[in-house]
N, C-alpha and C. Protein backbone atom coordinates (compact mmCIF):
# COMPACT_ATOMS: atom_id res chain seq x y z
N MET A 1 -11.00 -9.11 5.87
CA MET A 1 -10.44 -7.76 5.68
C MET A 1 -9.31 -7.60 6.70
N TRP A 2 -8.06 -7.73 6.20
CA TRP A 2 -6.95 -7.73 7.16
C TRP A 2 -5.86 -6.73 6.82
N ALA A 3 -6.02 -5.94 5.76
CA ALA A 3 -4.97 -4.99 5.39
C ALA A 3 -4.62 -4.14 6.60
N THR A 4 -3.32 -4.10 6.92
CA THR A 4 -2.92 -3.54 8.21
C THR A 4 -3.13 -2.04 8.33
N ALA A 5 -3.21 -1.33 7.20
CA ALA A 5 -3.47 0.11 7.28
C ALA A 5 -4.94 0.42 7.54
N GLY A 6 -5.81 -0.57 7.42
CA GLY A 6 -7.21 -0.39 7.75
C GLY A 6 -8.05 0.22 6.64
N PRO A 7 -9.31 0.54 6.94
CA PRO A 7 -10.20 1.13 5.94
C PRO A 7 -9.77 2.53 5.55
N VAL A 8 -10.20 2.95 4.36
CA VAL A 8 -9.94 4.29 3.84
C VAL A 8 -11.28 5.00 3.71
N VAL A 9 -11.38 6.23 4.20
CA VAL A 9 -12.63 6.99 4.17
C VAL A 9 -12.64 7.87 2.92
N GLU A 10 -13.65 7.70 2.08
CA GLU A 10 -13.79 8.52 0.89
C GLU A 10 -14.43 9.86 1.25
N PRO A 11 -14.31 10.87 0.36
CA PRO A 11 -14.90 12.18 0.65
C PRO A 11 -16.40 12.15 0.92
N ASP A 12 -17.12 11.18 0.31
CA ASP A 12 -18.56 11.12 0.53
C ASP A 12 -18.94 10.31 1.77
N GLY A 13 -17.95 9.85 2.52
CA GLY A 13 -18.21 9.10 3.74
C GLY A 13 -18.22 7.60 3.57
N ASN A 14 -18.18 7.11 2.34
CA ASN A 14 -18.08 5.67 2.12
C ASN A 14 -16.69 5.17 2.51
N LEU A 15 -16.59 3.86 2.72
CA LEU A 15 -15.33 3.24 3.12
C LEU A 15 -14.80 2.36 1.99
N LEU A 16 -13.48 2.33 1.84
CA LEU A 16 -12.82 1.38 0.96
C LEU A 16 -12.02 0.41 1.83
N VAL A 17 -12.23 -0.89 1.60
CA VAL A 17 -11.48 -1.91 2.31
C VAL A 17 -10.96 -2.91 1.29
N ALA A 18 -9.88 -3.59 1.65
CA ALA A 18 -9.34 -4.66 0.81
C ALA A 18 -9.52 -5.99 1.52
N THR A 19 -9.85 -7.02 0.76
CA THR A 19 -10.02 -8.35 1.34
C THR A 19 -8.91 -9.27 0.86
N GLY A 20 -8.62 -10.28 1.67
CA GLY A 20 -7.55 -11.22 1.37
C GLY A 20 -8.07 -12.50 0.76
N ASN A 21 -7.30 -13.56 0.95
CA ASN A 21 -7.64 -14.86 0.37
C ASN A 21 -8.95 -15.39 0.91
N GLY A 22 -9.65 -16.13 0.05
CA GLY A 22 -10.84 -16.86 0.47
C GLY A 22 -10.72 -18.31 0.07
N ALA A 23 -11.73 -19.08 0.39
CA ALA A 23 -11.70 -20.51 0.10
C ALA A 23 -12.01 -20.81 -1.36
N ALA A 24 -12.71 -19.89 -2.05
CA ALA A 24 -13.12 -20.15 -3.43
C ALA A 24 -11.92 -20.06 -4.37
N VAL A 25 -11.69 -21.10 -5.14
CA VAL A 25 -10.62 -21.10 -6.15
C VAL A 25 -11.17 -21.41 -7.53
N ALA A 26 -12.49 -21.42 -7.65
CA ALA A 26 -13.18 -21.63 -8.93
C ALA A 26 -14.62 -21.22 -8.75
N GLY A 27 -15.35 -21.10 -9.86
CA GLY A 27 -16.77 -20.78 -9.79
C GLY A 27 -17.02 -19.31 -9.59
N ALA A 28 -18.08 -18.99 -8.86
CA ALA A 28 -18.51 -17.60 -8.68
C ALA A 28 -17.58 -16.86 -7.73
N TRP A 29 -17.28 -15.62 -8.09
CA TRP A 29 -16.48 -14.75 -7.22
C TRP A 29 -17.21 -14.52 -5.90
N ASP A 30 -16.51 -14.67 -4.79
CA ASP A 30 -17.12 -14.54 -3.47
C ASP A 30 -16.68 -13.27 -2.73
N HIS A 31 -16.19 -12.27 -3.48
CA HIS A 31 -15.76 -10.98 -2.93
C HIS A 31 -14.49 -11.07 -2.09
N THR A 32 -13.73 -12.18 -2.26
CA THR A 32 -12.39 -12.22 -1.71
C THR A 32 -11.41 -11.67 -2.73
N ASP A 33 -10.16 -11.44 -2.31
CA ASP A 33 -9.12 -10.90 -3.19
C ASP A 33 -9.64 -9.66 -3.91
N SER A 34 -10.14 -8.69 -3.14
CA SER A 34 -10.90 -7.61 -3.78
C SER A 34 -10.77 -6.29 -3.03
N VAL A 35 -11.28 -5.24 -3.67
CA VAL A 35 -11.52 -3.96 -3.02
C VAL A 35 -13.03 -3.77 -2.94
N LEU A 36 -13.53 -3.46 -1.76
CA LEU A 36 -14.96 -3.26 -1.55
C LEU A 36 -15.22 -1.82 -1.11
N GLU A 37 -16.24 -1.20 -1.69
CA GLU A 37 -16.70 0.10 -1.24
C GLU A 37 -17.96 -0.11 -0.41
N LEU A 38 -17.92 0.35 0.83
CA LEU A 38 -19.03 0.15 1.76
C LEU A 38 -19.64 1.49 2.14
N SER A 39 -20.97 1.50 2.27
CA SER A 39 -21.67 2.71 2.73
C SER A 39 -21.40 2.91 4.22
N PRO A 40 -21.78 4.08 4.78
CA PRO A 40 -21.61 4.29 6.22
C PRO A 40 -22.36 3.27 7.08
N THR A 41 -23.36 2.61 6.50
CA THR A 41 -24.06 1.55 7.24
C THR A 41 -23.55 0.17 6.84
N LEU A 42 -22.41 0.14 6.10
CA LEU A 42 -21.70 -1.07 5.71
C LEU A 42 -22.41 -1.89 4.63
N GLY A 43 -23.29 -1.23 3.86
CA GLY A 43 -23.83 -1.89 2.68
C GLY A 43 -22.83 -1.85 1.55
N LEU A 44 -22.85 -2.86 0.68
CA LEU A 44 -21.90 -2.93 -0.42
C LEU A 44 -22.35 -2.00 -1.54
N ALA A 45 -21.52 -0.98 -1.84
CA ALA A 45 -21.85 0.00 -2.88
C ALA A 45 -21.19 -0.33 -4.20
N SER A 46 -19.98 -0.89 -4.16
CA SER A 46 -19.23 -1.18 -5.37
C SER A 46 -18.12 -2.15 -4.99
N ALA A 47 -17.54 -2.81 -6.01
CA ALA A 47 -16.49 -3.79 -5.72
C ALA A 47 -15.61 -3.99 -6.93
N PHE A 48 -14.39 -4.48 -6.67
CA PHE A 48 -13.44 -4.83 -7.73
C PHE A 48 -12.67 -6.08 -7.32
N ALA A 49 -12.37 -6.90 -8.31
CA ALA A 49 -11.43 -8.01 -8.14
C ALA A 49 -10.67 -8.20 -9.44
N PRO A 50 -9.41 -8.62 -9.38
CA PRO A 50 -8.69 -8.94 -10.60
C PRO A 50 -9.33 -10.14 -11.30
N SER A 51 -9.16 -10.22 -12.61
CA SER A 51 -9.65 -11.39 -13.34
C SER A 51 -9.01 -12.68 -12.81
N ARG A 52 -7.84 -12.56 -12.23
CA ARG A 52 -7.10 -13.71 -11.71
C ARG A 52 -7.42 -14.00 -10.25
N TRP A 53 -8.55 -13.53 -9.74
CA TRP A 53 -8.83 -13.65 -8.30
C TRP A 53 -8.78 -15.09 -7.82
N ALA A 54 -9.29 -16.05 -8.60
CA ALA A 54 -9.29 -17.45 -8.17
C ALA A 54 -7.86 -17.98 -8.06
N TYR A 55 -7.01 -17.62 -9.02
CA TYR A 55 -5.60 -18.03 -8.97
C TYR A 55 -4.92 -17.42 -7.75
N ASP A 56 -5.18 -16.13 -7.49
CA ASP A 56 -4.59 -15.47 -6.32
C ASP A 56 -5.02 -16.17 -5.04
N ASN A 57 -6.29 -16.53 -4.93
CA ASN A 57 -6.77 -17.24 -3.75
C ASN A 57 -6.04 -18.56 -3.56
N ALA A 58 -5.85 -19.28 -4.66
CA ALA A 58 -5.25 -20.60 -4.58
C ALA A 58 -3.76 -20.56 -4.26
N HIS A 59 -3.11 -19.41 -4.50
CA HIS A 59 -1.66 -19.32 -4.34
C HIS A 59 -1.24 -18.29 -3.30
N ASP A 60 -2.14 -17.91 -2.39
CA ASP A 60 -1.82 -16.97 -1.32
C ASP A 60 -1.23 -15.67 -1.86
N LEU A 61 -1.87 -15.12 -2.89
CA LEU A 61 -1.41 -13.88 -3.52
C LEU A 61 -2.45 -12.78 -3.35
N ASP A 62 -3.04 -12.73 -2.17
CA ASP A 62 -4.20 -11.85 -1.97
C ASP A 62 -3.89 -10.37 -2.15
N LEU A 63 -4.89 -9.70 -2.69
CA LEU A 63 -4.82 -8.26 -2.91
C LEU A 63 -4.83 -7.49 -1.59
N GLY A 64 -5.43 -8.07 -0.57
CA GLY A 64 -5.66 -7.35 0.68
C GLY A 64 -4.47 -7.21 1.59
N SER A 65 -3.25 -7.43 1.11
CA SER A 65 -2.08 -7.20 1.96
C SER A 65 -1.71 -5.72 2.03
N VAL A 66 -2.33 -4.89 1.18
CA VAL A 66 -2.14 -3.44 1.20
C VAL A 66 -3.52 -2.78 1.16
N SER A 67 -3.68 -1.68 1.88
CA SER A 67 -4.95 -0.96 1.84
C SER A 67 -5.07 -0.13 0.56
N PRO A 68 -6.30 0.16 0.12
CA PRO A 68 -6.49 1.03 -1.05
C PRO A 68 -5.93 2.43 -0.81
N THR A 69 -5.55 3.11 -1.89
CA THR A 69 -5.00 4.46 -1.82
C THR A 69 -5.86 5.38 -2.68
N LEU A 70 -6.37 6.47 -2.09
CA LEU A 70 -7.12 7.47 -2.85
C LEU A 70 -6.16 8.39 -3.59
N LEU A 71 -6.47 8.68 -4.86
CA LEU A 71 -5.63 9.49 -5.72
C LEU A 71 -6.43 10.63 -6.33
N PRO A 72 -5.74 11.65 -6.90
CA PRO A 72 -6.46 12.70 -7.64
C PRO A 72 -7.17 12.11 -8.85
N ASN A 73 -8.01 12.91 -9.46
CA ASN A 73 -8.74 12.55 -10.68
C ASN A 73 -9.70 11.38 -10.48
N GLY A 74 -10.11 11.15 -9.23
CA GLY A 74 -11.12 10.14 -8.95
C GLY A 74 -10.63 8.71 -9.06
N TYR A 75 -9.35 8.46 -8.83
CA TYR A 75 -8.80 7.11 -8.93
C TYR A 75 -8.49 6.51 -7.57
N VAL A 76 -8.39 5.19 -7.56
CA VAL A 76 -7.97 4.41 -6.40
C VAL A 76 -6.86 3.48 -6.86
N PHE A 77 -5.80 3.37 -6.09
CA PHE A 77 -4.72 2.42 -6.40
C PHE A 77 -4.72 1.29 -5.38
N ILE A 78 -4.47 0.08 -5.88
CA ILE A 78 -4.37 -1.08 -4.99
C ILE A 78 -3.32 -2.04 -5.55
N ALA A 79 -2.59 -2.67 -4.67
CA ALA A 79 -1.63 -3.70 -5.06
C ALA A 79 -1.59 -4.72 -3.93
N GLY A 80 -1.00 -5.88 -4.20
CA GLY A 80 -0.94 -6.91 -3.18
C GLY A 80 0.24 -7.83 -3.37
N LYS A 81 0.08 -9.08 -2.94
CA LYS A 81 1.19 -10.01 -2.96
C LYS A 81 1.57 -10.49 -4.35
N SER A 82 0.71 -10.31 -5.33
CA SER A 82 0.95 -10.85 -6.67
C SER A 82 1.99 -10.09 -7.45
N GLY A 83 2.36 -8.88 -7.00
CA GLY A 83 3.27 -8.04 -7.76
C GLY A 83 2.58 -7.30 -8.89
N VAL A 84 1.25 -7.23 -8.85
CA VAL A 84 0.48 -6.49 -9.85
C VAL A 84 -0.28 -5.36 -9.15
N GLY A 85 -0.20 -4.15 -9.71
CA GLY A 85 -0.96 -3.03 -9.18
C GLY A 85 -2.11 -2.68 -10.11
N TYR A 86 -3.16 -2.09 -9.54
CA TYR A 86 -4.36 -1.75 -10.30
C TYR A 86 -4.80 -0.33 -9.98
N VAL A 87 -5.20 0.41 -11.02
CA VAL A 87 -5.86 1.71 -10.85
C VAL A 87 -7.34 1.52 -11.13
N LEU A 88 -8.18 1.97 -10.20
CA LEU A 88 -9.63 1.80 -10.28
C LEU A 88 -10.30 3.17 -10.31
N ARG A 89 -11.55 3.19 -10.77
CA ARG A 89 -12.35 4.41 -10.70
C ARG A 89 -13.06 4.45 -9.35
N GLN A 90 -12.90 5.55 -8.64
CA GLN A 90 -13.53 5.67 -7.33
C GLN A 90 -15.05 5.65 -7.45
N SER A 91 -15.59 6.20 -8.52
CA SER A 91 -17.04 6.29 -8.68
C SER A 91 -17.69 4.94 -8.95
N ASN A 92 -16.92 4.01 -9.49
CA ASN A 92 -17.41 2.66 -9.77
C ASN A 92 -16.20 1.75 -9.88
N LEU A 93 -15.97 0.90 -8.88
CA LEU A 93 -14.74 0.13 -8.81
C LEU A 93 -14.57 -0.85 -9.97
N GLY A 94 -15.67 -1.26 -10.60
CA GLY A 94 -15.53 -1.96 -11.87
C GLY A 94 -15.84 -3.44 -11.89
N GLY A 95 -16.08 -4.08 -10.74
CA GLY A 95 -16.37 -5.51 -10.75
C GLY A 95 -15.13 -6.33 -11.09
N VAL A 96 -15.32 -7.54 -11.53
CA VAL A 96 -14.20 -8.43 -11.84
C VAL A 96 -13.53 -7.98 -13.14
N GLY A 97 -12.24 -7.68 -13.06
CA GLY A 97 -11.48 -7.27 -14.24
C GLY A 97 -11.80 -5.89 -14.74
N GLY A 98 -12.43 -5.05 -13.94
CA GLY A 98 -12.88 -3.74 -14.40
C GLY A 98 -11.95 -2.60 -14.07
N GLN A 99 -10.66 -2.85 -13.94
CA GLN A 99 -9.70 -1.79 -13.63
C GLN A 99 -9.51 -0.83 -14.80
N VAL A 100 -9.06 0.38 -14.49
CA VAL A 100 -8.67 1.34 -15.53
C VAL A 100 -7.37 0.89 -16.17
N SER A 101 -6.43 0.46 -15.36
CA SER A 101 -5.15 -0.04 -15.85
C SER A 101 -4.54 -0.96 -14.81
N SER A 102 -3.56 -1.72 -15.24
CA SER A 102 -2.81 -2.58 -14.32
C SER A 102 -1.38 -2.69 -14.83
N GLY A 103 -0.48 -3.10 -13.94
CA GLY A 103 0.91 -3.23 -14.33
C GLY A 103 1.74 -3.83 -13.22
N SER A 104 2.97 -4.14 -13.51
CA SER A 104 3.86 -4.77 -12.54
C SER A 104 4.30 -3.77 -11.48
N THR A 105 4.35 -4.24 -10.26
CA THR A 105 4.89 -3.48 -9.13
C THR A 105 5.79 -4.40 -8.33
N CYS A 106 6.64 -3.82 -7.53
CA CYS A 106 7.47 -4.58 -6.58
C CYS A 106 8.32 -5.67 -7.23
N ARG A 107 8.50 -5.61 -8.55
CA ARG A 107 9.33 -6.58 -9.27
C ARG A 107 9.00 -8.01 -8.86
N GLY A 108 7.70 -8.29 -8.75
CA GLY A 108 7.26 -9.63 -8.42
C GLY A 108 7.30 -9.97 -6.95
N GLN A 109 7.69 -9.02 -6.11
CA GLN A 109 7.76 -9.25 -4.68
C GLN A 109 6.47 -8.78 -4.01
N MET A 110 6.29 -9.18 -2.75
CA MET A 110 5.07 -8.87 -2.01
C MET A 110 5.04 -7.42 -1.54
N ALA A 111 3.83 -6.89 -1.39
CA ALA A 111 3.62 -5.58 -0.78
C ALA A 111 2.73 -5.76 0.45
N PHE A 112 3.13 -5.14 1.56
CA PHE A 112 2.39 -5.26 2.82
C PHE A 112 2.20 -3.90 3.46
N GLY A 113 1.03 -3.69 4.08
CA GLY A 113 0.82 -2.54 4.93
C GLY A 113 0.14 -1.39 4.25
N GLY A 114 0.56 -0.17 4.58
CA GLY A 114 -0.05 1.03 4.03
C GLY A 114 0.89 1.74 3.09
N THR A 115 0.32 2.46 2.14
CA THR A 115 1.10 3.29 1.22
C THR A 115 1.17 4.71 1.75
N ALA A 116 2.00 5.52 1.10
CA ALA A 116 1.97 6.97 1.28
C ALA A 116 1.66 7.57 -0.08
N VAL A 117 1.12 8.77 -0.09
CA VAL A 117 0.76 9.39 -1.37
C VAL A 117 0.99 10.89 -1.29
N ALA A 118 1.54 11.45 -2.38
CA ALA A 118 1.70 12.90 -2.53
C ALA A 118 1.24 13.25 -3.92
N GLN A 119 0.09 13.92 -4.02
CA GLN A 119 -0.53 14.26 -5.30
C GLN A 119 -0.74 12.98 -6.13
N ASP A 120 -0.03 12.84 -7.24
CA ASP A 120 -0.28 11.68 -8.10
C ASP A 120 0.81 10.62 -7.98
N VAL A 121 1.59 10.64 -6.91
CA VAL A 121 2.65 9.66 -6.69
C VAL A 121 2.31 8.80 -5.49
N VAL A 122 2.34 7.48 -5.69
CA VAL A 122 2.10 6.51 -4.63
C VAL A 122 3.43 5.91 -4.21
N TYR A 123 3.68 5.83 -2.91
CA TYR A 123 4.88 5.20 -2.37
C TYR A 123 4.46 3.87 -1.76
N LEU A 124 4.96 2.79 -2.37
CA LEU A 124 4.47 1.45 -2.07
C LEU A 124 5.52 0.66 -1.29
N PRO A 125 5.14 0.03 -0.16
CA PRO A 125 6.10 -0.79 0.58
C PRO A 125 6.19 -2.18 -0.03
N CYS A 126 7.35 -2.52 -0.57
CA CYS A 126 7.57 -3.82 -1.19
C CYS A 126 8.56 -4.61 -0.34
N ALA A 127 8.53 -5.92 -0.48
CA ALA A 127 9.45 -6.76 0.28
C ALA A 127 10.90 -6.45 -0.06
N ASN A 128 11.15 -5.97 -1.27
CA ASN A 128 12.51 -5.69 -1.69
C ASN A 128 12.82 -4.19 -1.74
N GLY A 129 12.02 -3.36 -1.09
CA GLY A 129 12.29 -1.93 -1.02
C GLY A 129 11.08 -1.09 -1.36
N VAL A 130 11.16 0.20 -1.04
CA VAL A 130 10.07 1.13 -1.34
C VAL A 130 10.10 1.45 -2.83
N GLN A 131 8.90 1.61 -3.41
CA GLN A 131 8.78 1.92 -4.83
C GLN A 131 7.86 3.13 -4.98
N ALA A 132 8.27 4.07 -5.85
CA ALA A 132 7.45 5.25 -6.14
C ALA A 132 6.81 5.09 -7.51
N LEU A 133 5.48 5.24 -7.57
CA LEU A 133 4.72 5.07 -8.80
C LEU A 133 3.98 6.36 -9.13
N ALA A 134 4.11 6.84 -10.36
CA ALA A 134 3.41 8.04 -10.81
C ALA A 134 2.18 7.62 -11.60
N VAL A 135 1.02 8.17 -11.26
CA VAL A 135 -0.24 7.85 -11.91
C VAL A 135 -0.67 9.05 -12.76
N THR A 136 -0.91 8.82 -14.04
CA THR A 136 -1.27 9.90 -14.95
C THR A 136 -2.74 10.27 -14.82
N ALA A 137 -3.11 11.39 -15.44
CA ALA A 137 -4.51 11.81 -15.44
C ALA A 137 -5.40 10.81 -16.17
N GLY A 138 -4.81 10.00 -17.04
CA GLY A 138 -5.56 8.97 -17.75
C GLY A 138 -5.66 7.65 -17.00
N GLY A 139 -5.05 7.59 -15.81
CA GLY A 139 -5.20 6.40 -14.98
C GLY A 139 -4.17 5.31 -15.22
N ARG A 140 -3.07 5.63 -15.87
CA ARG A 140 -1.99 4.66 -16.04
C ARG A 140 -0.84 5.02 -15.12
N PHE A 141 -0.03 4.02 -14.75
CA PHE A 141 1.06 4.32 -13.83
C PHE A 141 2.37 3.77 -14.34
N SER A 142 3.45 4.39 -13.87
CA SER A 142 4.80 3.96 -14.21
C SER A 142 5.67 4.10 -12.97
N VAL A 143 6.77 3.36 -12.94
CA VAL A 143 7.69 3.38 -11.81
C VAL A 143 8.62 4.57 -11.93
N LEU A 144 8.62 5.46 -10.92
CA LEU A 144 9.57 6.57 -10.88
C LEU A 144 10.92 6.11 -10.36
N TRP A 145 10.90 5.37 -9.26
CA TRP A 145 12.12 4.80 -8.71
C TRP A 145 11.79 3.65 -7.79
N SER A 146 12.77 2.80 -7.62
CA SER A 146 12.71 1.71 -6.64
C SER A 146 14.01 1.73 -5.87
N THR A 147 13.95 1.39 -4.60
CA THR A 147 15.16 1.38 -3.80
C THR A 147 15.40 0.00 -3.23
N GLY A 148 16.63 -0.43 -3.29
CA GLY A 148 17.02 -1.68 -2.66
C GLY A 148 17.77 -1.44 -1.37
N SER A 149 17.51 -0.28 -0.73
CA SER A 149 18.26 0.12 0.46
C SER A 149 17.97 -0.77 1.66
N GLY A 150 16.92 -1.55 1.60
CA GLY A 150 16.52 -2.36 2.74
C GLY A 150 15.27 -1.86 3.42
N ALA A 151 14.85 -0.62 3.11
CA ALA A 151 13.61 -0.09 3.67
C ALA A 151 12.44 -0.79 3.01
N ASN A 152 11.67 -1.53 3.80
CA ASN A 152 10.55 -2.29 3.22
C ASN A 152 9.25 -2.13 4.00
N GLY A 153 9.25 -1.29 5.04
CA GLY A 153 8.05 -1.10 5.84
C GLY A 153 7.16 -0.01 5.27
N PRO A 154 5.93 0.10 5.78
CA PRO A 154 5.01 1.14 5.31
C PRO A 154 5.64 2.53 5.42
N PRO A 155 5.67 3.29 4.32
CA PRO A 155 6.35 4.59 4.31
C PRO A 155 5.47 5.72 4.80
N VAL A 156 6.13 6.77 5.32
CA VAL A 156 5.47 8.04 5.61
C VAL A 156 6.32 9.16 5.02
N LEU A 157 5.68 10.30 4.74
CA LEU A 157 6.36 11.40 4.07
C LEU A 157 6.48 12.59 5.02
N GLY A 158 7.64 13.27 4.96
CA GLY A 158 7.82 14.49 5.73
C GLY A 158 9.13 15.16 5.39
N GLY A 159 9.11 16.49 5.22
CA GLY A 159 10.34 17.23 4.98
C GLY A 159 11.05 16.86 3.71
N GLY A 160 10.32 16.42 2.68
CA GLY A 160 10.93 16.02 1.44
C GLY A 160 11.56 14.65 1.46
N ALA A 161 11.27 13.88 2.51
CA ALA A 161 11.85 12.55 2.65
C ALA A 161 10.77 11.50 2.82
N VAL A 162 11.14 10.27 2.48
CA VAL A 162 10.30 9.10 2.72
C VAL A 162 10.94 8.33 3.86
N PHE A 163 10.20 8.11 4.93
CA PHE A 163 10.71 7.37 6.08
C PHE A 163 10.12 5.97 6.07
N SER A 164 10.98 4.97 6.16
CA SER A 164 10.54 3.58 6.13
C SER A 164 11.54 2.73 6.89
N LEU A 165 11.03 1.72 7.56
CA LEU A 165 11.88 0.81 8.33
C LEU A 165 12.23 -0.42 7.52
N ASN A 166 13.37 -1.01 7.83
CA ASN A 166 13.61 -2.40 7.46
C ASN A 166 13.05 -3.22 8.60
N THR A 167 11.94 -3.90 8.35
CA THR A 167 11.24 -4.59 9.44
C THR A 167 11.98 -5.83 9.92
N GLY A 168 12.97 -6.27 9.16
CA GLY A 168 13.77 -7.42 9.60
C GLY A 168 14.93 -7.04 10.48
N THR A 169 15.56 -5.90 10.18
CA THR A 169 16.74 -5.48 10.94
C THR A 169 16.46 -4.38 11.94
N GLY A 170 15.31 -3.71 11.85
CA GLY A 170 14.99 -2.63 12.77
C GLY A 170 15.77 -1.36 12.50
N VAL A 171 16.13 -1.11 11.25
CA VAL A 171 16.83 0.12 10.87
C VAL A 171 15.84 1.07 10.20
N LEU A 172 15.83 2.33 10.64
CA LEU A 172 14.99 3.36 10.05
C LEU A 172 15.78 4.08 8.95
N PHE A 173 15.16 4.19 7.76
CA PHE A 173 15.79 4.86 6.63
C PHE A 173 15.03 6.14 6.30
N ALA A 174 15.79 7.16 5.90
CA ALA A 174 15.23 8.36 5.28
C ALA A 174 15.70 8.37 3.83
N LEU A 175 14.74 8.42 2.90
CA LEU A 175 15.03 8.38 1.46
C LEU A 175 14.57 9.67 0.81
N SER A 176 15.24 10.09 -0.22
CA SER A 176 14.80 11.26 -0.98
C SER A 176 13.45 10.98 -1.61
N GLN A 177 12.51 11.89 -1.41
CA GLN A 177 11.17 11.70 -1.96
C GLN A 177 11.19 11.74 -3.48
N SER A 178 12.11 12.48 -4.06
CA SER A 178 12.14 12.64 -5.52
C SER A 178 12.93 11.55 -6.24
N SER A 179 13.93 10.95 -5.58
CA SER A 179 14.80 10.01 -6.27
C SER A 179 14.93 8.65 -5.60
N GLY A 180 14.56 8.55 -4.31
CA GLY A 180 14.75 7.32 -3.58
C GLY A 180 16.14 7.14 -3.01
N GLN A 181 17.03 8.10 -3.27
CA GLN A 181 18.39 8.01 -2.74
C GLN A 181 18.38 8.03 -1.23
N GLN A 182 19.23 7.20 -0.62
CA GLN A 182 19.29 7.15 0.83
C GLN A 182 19.90 8.42 1.39
N LEU A 183 19.20 9.06 2.33
CA LEU A 183 19.68 10.27 2.97
C LEU A 183 20.31 9.97 4.33
N ALA A 184 19.74 9.02 5.05
CA ALA A 184 20.24 8.69 6.39
C ALA A 184 19.66 7.37 6.82
N GLN A 185 20.28 6.77 7.85
CA GLN A 185 19.74 5.57 8.46
C GLN A 185 20.17 5.52 9.92
N ILE A 186 19.35 4.86 10.74
CA ILE A 186 19.68 4.72 12.15
C ILE A 186 19.03 3.45 12.68
N PRO A 187 19.75 2.61 13.43
CA PRO A 187 19.14 1.41 14.01
C PRO A 187 18.31 1.78 15.23
N ILE A 188 17.11 1.20 15.33
CA ILE A 188 16.25 1.50 16.48
C ILE A 188 15.83 0.23 17.23
N GLY A 189 16.23 -0.95 16.76
CA GLY A 189 15.93 -2.19 17.46
C GLY A 189 14.82 -2.98 16.81
N PRO A 190 14.56 -4.20 17.32
CA PRO A 190 13.55 -5.09 16.72
C PRO A 190 12.17 -4.44 16.70
N VAL A 191 11.45 -4.62 15.57
CA VAL A 191 10.15 -4.00 15.41
C VAL A 191 9.13 -5.04 14.94
N PRO A 192 7.84 -4.81 15.21
CA PRO A 192 6.80 -5.69 14.65
C PRO A 192 6.78 -5.61 13.13
N HIS A 193 6.10 -6.56 12.52
CA HIS A 193 6.20 -6.77 11.08
C HIS A 193 5.73 -5.57 10.25
N PHE A 194 4.68 -4.86 10.66
CA PHE A 194 4.10 -3.80 9.84
C PHE A 194 4.34 -2.41 10.40
N THR A 195 5.37 -2.24 11.20
CA THR A 195 5.60 -0.97 11.88
C THR A 195 5.83 0.17 10.89
N SER A 196 5.19 1.31 11.18
CA SER A 196 5.36 2.52 10.39
C SER A 196 5.73 3.67 11.31
N PRO A 197 6.70 4.52 10.93
CA PRO A 197 7.05 5.66 11.78
C PRO A 197 5.89 6.66 11.86
N THR A 198 5.85 7.39 12.96
CA THR A 198 4.92 8.51 13.12
C THR A 198 5.75 9.78 13.25
N LEU A 199 5.51 10.76 12.39
CA LEU A 199 6.25 12.01 12.40
C LEU A 199 5.48 13.08 13.17
N VAL A 200 6.18 13.73 14.10
CA VAL A 200 5.62 14.85 14.86
C VAL A 200 6.66 15.95 14.86
N GLY A 201 6.37 17.05 14.15
CA GLY A 201 7.38 18.09 14.03
C GLY A 201 8.61 17.53 13.35
N ALA A 202 9.77 17.71 13.97
CA ALA A 202 11.02 17.23 13.40
C ALA A 202 11.41 15.85 13.92
N ASP A 203 10.55 15.21 14.70
CA ASP A 203 10.90 13.94 15.33
C ASP A 203 10.09 12.79 14.76
N ALA A 204 10.66 11.59 14.83
CA ALA A 204 9.98 10.37 14.40
C ALA A 204 9.81 9.46 15.60
N TYR A 205 8.63 8.89 15.74
CA TYR A 205 8.34 7.94 16.82
C TYR A 205 8.07 6.57 16.19
N ILE A 206 8.69 5.54 16.74
CA ILE A 206 8.56 4.19 16.20
C ILE A 206 8.23 3.22 17.33
N GLY A 207 7.16 2.46 17.14
CA GLY A 207 6.84 1.40 18.08
C GLY A 207 7.73 0.19 17.82
N THR A 208 8.42 -0.30 18.84
CA THR A 208 9.31 -1.44 18.71
C THR A 208 8.77 -2.61 19.52
N ASP A 209 9.50 -3.72 19.51
CA ASP A 209 9.09 -4.87 20.31
C ASP A 209 9.19 -4.61 21.80
N TYR A 210 9.89 -3.54 22.20
CA TYR A 210 10.15 -3.30 23.62
C TYR A 210 9.67 -1.94 24.11
N GLY A 211 9.03 -1.15 23.25
CA GLY A 211 8.56 0.15 23.68
C GLY A 211 8.46 1.09 22.50
N VAL A 212 8.70 2.37 22.76
CA VAL A 212 8.66 3.40 21.71
C VAL A 212 10.01 4.10 21.66
N VAL A 213 10.54 4.25 20.44
CA VAL A 213 11.79 4.96 20.24
C VAL A 213 11.49 6.28 19.55
N MET A 214 12.10 7.38 20.03
CA MET A 214 11.99 8.67 19.38
C MET A 214 13.33 9.01 18.73
N VAL A 215 13.27 9.39 17.46
CA VAL A 215 14.46 9.82 16.73
C VAL A 215 14.36 11.33 16.58
N GLN A 216 15.24 12.07 17.23
CA GLN A 216 15.20 13.53 17.18
C GLN A 216 15.81 14.04 15.88
N GLY A 217 15.23 15.12 15.36
CA GLY A 217 15.79 15.77 14.19
C GLY A 217 15.63 14.97 12.91
N ALA A 218 14.66 14.06 12.88
CA ALA A 218 14.48 13.25 11.67
C ALA A 218 14.05 14.08 10.49
């Protein structure tokens, strides 16, 4: 369990975690490349894995590069390195191949870290830019917008904007929450791979390789 955003706490106190690659590439599913629901005492309550879990294990395409996202209408969203996203039922994750729906995300590129969510829209950090996905009441999703602005780090929402770093160049981007259009950018220096901004009031705080940078008026 290595998803950098960590476990997600459900309303009933259970935990959702994502797991990465395992050694099994054939035979019985070993709960790798999966989403697991754990009780407060860490007993396994429910689980999900794509039908392609063995292929994902063999090709380093693990689901656990992004943490699960809780959504309205009792759904959970998960995506990973394979470029495929899945909507699951929170009440029963569905076992192997038991998703409500699935579809392409990140245009075949990897997703790492944590998502942001506002009502039924998930903001997904992709290697080639942030992507906004709308999830319907029936559990299907579609791409609202994708940005190639260079922002590829875990996004956060504030003031009608999506804040995300380019983790390679150390530039902080502010994107329109509704369209993905770039609103502003500012260089803040080298950052660790999964860095996400923290918003406090009108300011953004970013952990860098050399300390903490505050961006005023973000």
